[in-house]
Amino acid sequence: MRERSIPAVAFLGLAVFALFALFTGACEEEVEVRPPPPVVMEAQPPGPAANPNTLYDEEGNLLESDVVVAGLRLPRGFELTAEVDRRHVYDSHVPIEKIHRYFGPRLITGQVDRHGDGATFREAVPREARGGIVKLDVSITPRNRTTTRIEIRELLPEPANPLSEDEIIRRWAAEEPLLD
């Protein structure tokens, strides 16, 4: 067996190192790293709730306004026509079906009187009312082909200590002679 000389082993090691450096250097390309281009977002038009002149949402339902009467938030598109004591009257050109669809879920009542295309929610309580709750009679009445009237009457609360039947009869008997 023949011994290899150290220069041959060194030459062989140098050759392996050169090949390794050549192949690893060939695999690496110089790549310029650039940041991704900025994403340009197109401006979206404001949604219907952002535009105060819009009456309906995307599904055709009336949007709420900033007007609140005795805990009941009114929809957009209503104009105050009269307000006396506890009576509030509004007119609108919104179709009456959409008005019914708006108020129905917002009023809690056990009595709804239908009259033609209109309706009256009797002794109703606004669903989202907080604090001193006032019962309301809310009437939705068509005025003509294009106008609907909403009348909201705040009902007086029942007295905390109502008079008994005997007390009412006694007071009536005492005042009856004075009526002549």
Protein backbone atom coordinates (compact mmCIF):
# COMPACT_ATOMS: atom_id res chain seq x y z
CA MET A 1 0.00 0.00 0.00
CA ARG A 2 1.25 3.27 -0.93
CA GLU A 3 1.15 6.25 1.34
CA ARG A 4 -0.26 9.42 0.12
CA SER A 5 1.65 12.49 0.60
CA ILE A 6 0.32 15.38 2.58
CA PRO A 7 0.33 17.72 -0.37
CA ALA A 8 -2.01 15.36 -2.28
CA VAL A 9 -4.43 15.22 0.67
CA ALA A 10 -4.25 18.98 1.00
CA PHE A 11 -4.86 19.34 -2.73
CA LEU A 12 -7.87 17.03 -2.51
CA GLY A 13 -9.30 19.02 0.46
CA LEU A 14 -8.70 22.26 -1.39
CA ALA A 15 -10.50 20.91 -4.45
CA VAL A 16 -13.52 19.83 -2.36
CA PHE A 17 -13.64 23.22 -0.68
CA ALA A 18 -13.43 25.01 -4.05
CA LEU A 19 -16.24 22.90 -5.50
CA PHE A 20 -18.37 23.51 -2.41
CA ALA A 21 -17.77 27.26 -2.61
CA LEU A 22 -18.50 27.24 -6.34
CA PHE A 23 -21.83 25.42 -6.02
CA THR A 24 -23.08 27.32 -2.99
CA GLY A 25 -22.12 30.60 -4.57
CA ALA A 26 -23.90 29.67 -7.79
CA CYS A 27 -27.15 28.94 -5.94
CA GLU A 28 -27.23 32.28 -4.28
CA GLU A 29 -28.30 35.02 -6.57
CA GLU A 30 -28.12 38.53 -5.43
CA VAL A 31 -31.75 39.55 -4.95
CA GLU A 32 -32.79 43.07 -4.23
CA VAL A 33 -35.35 43.10 -1.44
CA ARG A 34 -38.02 45.70 -2.01
CA PRO A 35 -40.90 46.58 0.29
CA PRO A 36 -44.32 45.61 -1.06
CA PRO A 37 -46.10 48.33 -3.00
CA PRO A 38 -48.54 50.35 -0.91
CA VAL A 39 -52.13 49.15 -1.09
CA VAL A 40 -54.38 51.87 -2.39
CA MET A 41 -57.89 51.59 -0.96
CA GLU A 42 -60.62 53.18 -2.97
CA ALA A 43 -62.76 55.51 -0.92
CA GLN A 44 -66.05 53.83 -0.12
CA PRO A 45 -69.15 55.99 -0.14
CA PRO A 46 -70.55 56.46 3.35
CA GLY A 47 -73.19 53.95 4.38
CA PRO A 48 -76.82 55.02 4.59
CA ALA A 49 -76.67 55.55 8.34
CA ALA A 50 -73.90 58.15 7.83
CA ASN A 51 -76.05 60.25 5.50
CA PRO A 52 -78.78 62.03 7.50
CA ASN A 53 -80.91 62.45 4.36
CA THR A 54 -81.14 58.71 3.78
CA LEU A 55 -84.38 57.24 5.13
CA TYR A 56 -83.77 53.53 4.53
CA ASP A 57 -81.05 50.95 5.12
CA GLU A 58 -79.84 48.48 2.45
CA GLU A 59 -82.82 46.20 3.15
CA GLY A 60 -85.40 48.97 2.75
CA ASN A 61 -86.14 49.40 6.48
CA LEU A 62 -86.56 52.85 8.02
CA LEU A 63 -83.52 54.17 9.86
CA GLU A 64 -83.75 55.71 13.33
CA SER A 65 -83.58 59.47 13.76
CA ASP A 66 -82.25 61.49 16.69
CA VAL A 67 -85.81 62.42 17.77
CA VAL A 68 -87.08 60.66 20.92
CA VAL A 69 -90.60 61.14 22.33
CA ALA A 70 -91.21 59.66 25.80
CA GLY A 71 -88.56 56.98 25.24
CA LEU A 72 -89.72 56.14 21.69
CA ARG A 73 -87.12 56.86 19.00
CA LEU A 74 -88.81 58.01 15.80
CA PRO A 75 -87.66 57.02 12.32
CA ARG A 76 -86.18 59.44 9.84
CA GLY A 77 -88.49 61.29 7.50
CA PHE A 78 -91.02 62.66 10.03
CA GLU A 79 -91.91 66.32 10.46
CA LEU A 80 -93.41 67.69 13.67
CA THR A 81 -96.77 69.35 12.88
CA ALA A 82 -98.24 69.84 16.38
CA GLU A 83 -97.19 69.43 19.98
CA VAL A 84 -99.53 70.25 22.85
CA ASP A 85 -99.05 69.02 26.42
CA ARG A 86 -98.63 65.25 26.09
CA ARG A 87 -99.69 65.00 22.42
CA HIS A 88 -97.11 64.89 19.61
CA VAL A 89 -98.19 64.84 15.94
CA TYR A 90 -95.86 64.08 13.03
CA ASP A 91 -96.48 63.78 9.29
CA SER A 92 -94.44 61.79 6.80
CA HIS A 93 -94.41 60.81 3.14
CA VAL A 94 -93.01 57.38 3.98
CA PRO A 95 -95.25 54.46 2.87
CA ILE A 96 -97.50 53.35 5.73
CA GLU A 97 -96.36 49.70 5.48
CA LYS A 98 -92.79 50.74 6.28
CA ILE A 99 -94.01 52.79 9.24
CA HIS A 100 -95.92 49.77 10.64
CA ARG A 101 -92.80 47.64 10.15
CA TYR A 102 -90.72 50.21 12.04
CA PHE A 103 -92.99 50.74 15.07
CA GLY A 104 -94.27 47.16 15.50
CA PRO A 105 -91.10 45.68 17.02
CA ARG A 106 -90.36 48.82 19.05
CA LEU A 107 -93.63 48.95 21.01
CA ILE A 108 -94.72 46.50 23.70
CA THR A 109 -98.49 46.32 24.02
CA GLY A 110 -101.31 43.86 24.40
CA GLN A 111 -103.74 45.81 22.23
CA VAL A 112 -103.39 46.97 18.64
CA ASP A 113 -106.55 48.38 17.06
CA ARG A 114 -106.58 48.15 13.26
CA HIS A 115 -108.56 50.78 11.35
CA GLY A 116 -108.30 50.49 7.58
CA ASP A 117 -104.62 50.78 6.65
CA GLY A 118 -103.86 52.42 9.99
CA ALA A 119 -103.40 51.12 13.50
CA THR A 120 -103.29 52.33 17.09
CA PHE A 121 -100.95 50.75 19.62
CA ARG A 122 -102.81 51.15 22.95
CA GLU A 123 -101.01 51.68 26.25
CA ALA A 124 -97.73 50.78 24.57
CA VAL A 125 -94.33 50.98 26.21
CA PRO A 126 -91.25 51.66 24.05
CA ARG A 127 -89.06 48.55 24.07
CA GLU A 128 -85.85 50.52 24.73
CA ALA A 129 -87.31 52.97 27.30
CA ARG A 130 -85.31 53.32 30.51
CA GLY A 131 -86.09 55.04 33.78
CA GLY A 132 -89.55 56.58 34.21
CA ILE A 133 -91.58 54.58 31.71
CA VAL A 134 -94.60 56.34 30.21
CA LYS A 135 -97.36 54.43 28.46
CA LEU A 136 -98.28 55.72 25.02
CA ASP A 137 -101.11 55.52 22.53
CA VAL A 138 -99.39 55.57 19.13
CA SER A 139 -101.72 56.06 16.15
CA ILE A 140 -100.58 55.55 12.56
CA THR A 141 -103.17 56.99 10.19
CA PRO A 142 -103.09 57.63 6.44
CA ARG A 143 -104.07 61.24 5.68
CA ASN A 144 -104.12 60.95 1.91
CA ARG A 145 -102.33 58.97 -0.80
CA THR A 146 -98.90 60.36 0.06
CA THR A 147 -99.01 61.43 3.71
CA THR A 148 -99.18 59.40 6.91
CA ARG A 149 -99.81 60.93 10.33
CA ILE A 150 -98.28 59.62 13.53
CA GLU A 151 -99.88 60.78 16.77
CA ILE A 152 -98.20 59.94 20.05
CA ARG A 153 -100.22 60.55 23.23
CA GLU A 154 -98.42 60.22 26.54
CA LEU A 155 -100.88 58.66 28.98
CA LEU A 156 -101.03 59.95 32.54
CA PRO A 157 -99.82 57.41 35.06
CA GLU A 158 -102.37 55.84 37.35
CA PRO A 159 -102.47 57.41 40.82
CA ALA A 160 -100.33 55.70 43.42
CA ASN A 161 -103.27 55.48 45.86
CA PRO A 162 -106.52 55.27 43.87
CA LEU A 163 -109.76 56.10 45.64
CA SER A 164 -111.90 53.22 46.76
CA GLU A 165 -115.39 52.79 45.35
CA ASP A 166 -116.93 53.79 48.70
CA GLU A 167 -114.84 56.99 48.81
CA ILE A 168 -115.90 57.94 45.28
CA ILE A 169 -119.61 57.44 46.20
CA ARG A 170 -119.19 59.47 49.41
CA ARG A 171 -117.55 62.38 47.52
CA TRP A 172 -120.21 62.29 44.82
CA ALA A 173 -122.97 62.38 47.42
CA ALA A 174 -121.31 65.39 49.09
CA GLU A 175 -120.92 67.33 45.80
CA GLU A 176 -124.26 66.40 44.17
CA PRO A 177 -126.36 68.99 46.07
CA LEU A 178 -123.87 71.69 45.04
CA LEU A 179 -124.44 70.99 41.34
CA ASP A 180 -128.03 72.34 41.37
